[in-house]
Amino acid sequence: MKTYDQHCRQLRQTHPALAEEFARFQGVAEILAWMQRRELTHARVDIVGQDEFEYDFLVELGSEQGWVAFGIT
């Protein structure tokens, strides 16, 4: 399984600005603060359970930009 740092390095290849922002995140509170800074507080979100301890927190960046997923344990 990839580490968070490995995911950020991979993201840097296609979306370097997002990877730079995400690399500093340490929890859900930072994701929510990022959403406020990006004016994504009214964006569609979803939480998908992977198992009893892990979830994917999905945030829509915009209809043309797709979604971003954060793994949460």
Protein backbone atom coordinates (compact mmCIF):
# COMPACT_ATOMS: atom_id res chain seq x y z
CA MET A 1 0.00 0.00 0.00
CA LYS A 2 1.30 3.47 -0.89
CA THR A 3 2.07 6.00 1.80
CA TYR A 4 0.55 9.48 1.75
CA ASP A 5 3.91 10.93 0.65
CA GLN A 6 4.02 8.52 -2.28
CA HIS A 7 0.53 9.58 -3.37
CA CYS A 8 1.56 13.24 -3.20
CA ARG A 9 4.67 12.55 -5.29
CA GLN A 10 2.55 10.79 -7.90
CA LEU A 11 0.02 13.64 -7.93
CA ARG A 12 2.88 16.11 -8.42
CA GLN A 13 3.41 14.67 -11.93
CA THR A 14 0.01 15.85 -13.16
CA HIS A 15 -1.17 18.44 -10.60
CA PRO A 16 1.89 19.98 -8.94
CA ALA A 17 0.02 22.86 -7.28
CA LEU A 18 -2.46 20.52 -5.60
CA ALA A 19 0.31 18.14 -4.55
CA GLU A 20 2.17 21.02 -2.92
CA GLU A 21 -0.91 22.00 -0.91
CA PHE A 22 -1.86 18.43 0.01
CA ALA A 23 1.65 17.46 1.13
CA ARG A 24 1.21 19.60 4.27
CA PHE A 25 -2.15 18.12 5.31
CA GLN A 26 -2.20 16.20 8.58
CA GLY A 27 -5.91 15.55 9.05
CA VAL A 28 -9.49 16.28 8.14
CA ALA A 29 -9.42 19.73 9.74
CA GLU A 30 -6.78 20.81 7.24
CA ILE A 31 -8.86 19.47 4.35
CA LEU A 32 -11.85 21.48 5.55
CA ALA A 33 -9.72 24.63 5.94
CA TRP A 34 -8.39 24.09 2.39
CA MET A 35 -11.97 23.77 1.14
CA GLN A 36 -12.79 27.13 2.75
CA ARG A 37 -9.73 28.82 1.20
CA ARG A 38 -10.68 27.39 -2.20
CA GLU A 39 -14.35 28.37 -1.76
CA LEU A 40 -15.38 24.73 -1.97
CA THR A 41 -17.64 24.82 1.09
CA HIS A 42 -20.67 24.22 -1.15
CA ALA A 43 -18.96 21.60 -3.30
CA ARG A 44 -20.37 18.12 -3.51
CA VAL A 45 -18.65 15.72 -1.13
CA ASP A 46 -18.99 12.05 -0.42
CA ILE A 47 -17.59 9.64 2.14
CA VAL A 48 -17.10 6.05 1.03
CA GLY A 49 -16.38 3.37 3.61
CA GLN A 50 -13.58 1.02 2.61
CA ASP A 51 -13.74 -1.07 5.76
CA GLU A 52 -14.55 -0.50 9.42
CA PHE A 53 -11.55 1.84 9.92
CA GLU A 54 -10.83 3.47 6.55
CA TYR A 55 -12.84 5.90 4.46
CA ASP A 56 -12.34 7.91 1.30
CA PHE A 57 -13.39 11.55 1.62
CA LEU A 58 -14.24 12.82 -1.88
CA VAL A 59 -14.49 16.51 -2.85
CA GLU A 60 -15.67 17.73 -6.24
CA LEU A 61 -13.31 20.40 -7.55
CA GLY A 62 -15.76 21.53 -10.20
CA SER A 63 -17.77 19.96 -12.97
CA GLU A 64 -14.86 20.21 -15.42
CA GLN A 65 -12.07 19.47 -12.93
CA GLY A 66 -13.25 16.21 -11.44
CA TRP A 67 -12.93 14.96 -7.88
CA VAL A 68 -10.12 14.60 -5.38
CA ALA A 69 -10.02 11.74 -2.86
CA PHE A 70 -8.45 11.73 0.58
CA GLY A 71 -7.93 8.49 2.45
CA ILE A 72 -8.98 8.81 6.09
CA THR A 73 -8.38 6.33 8.88
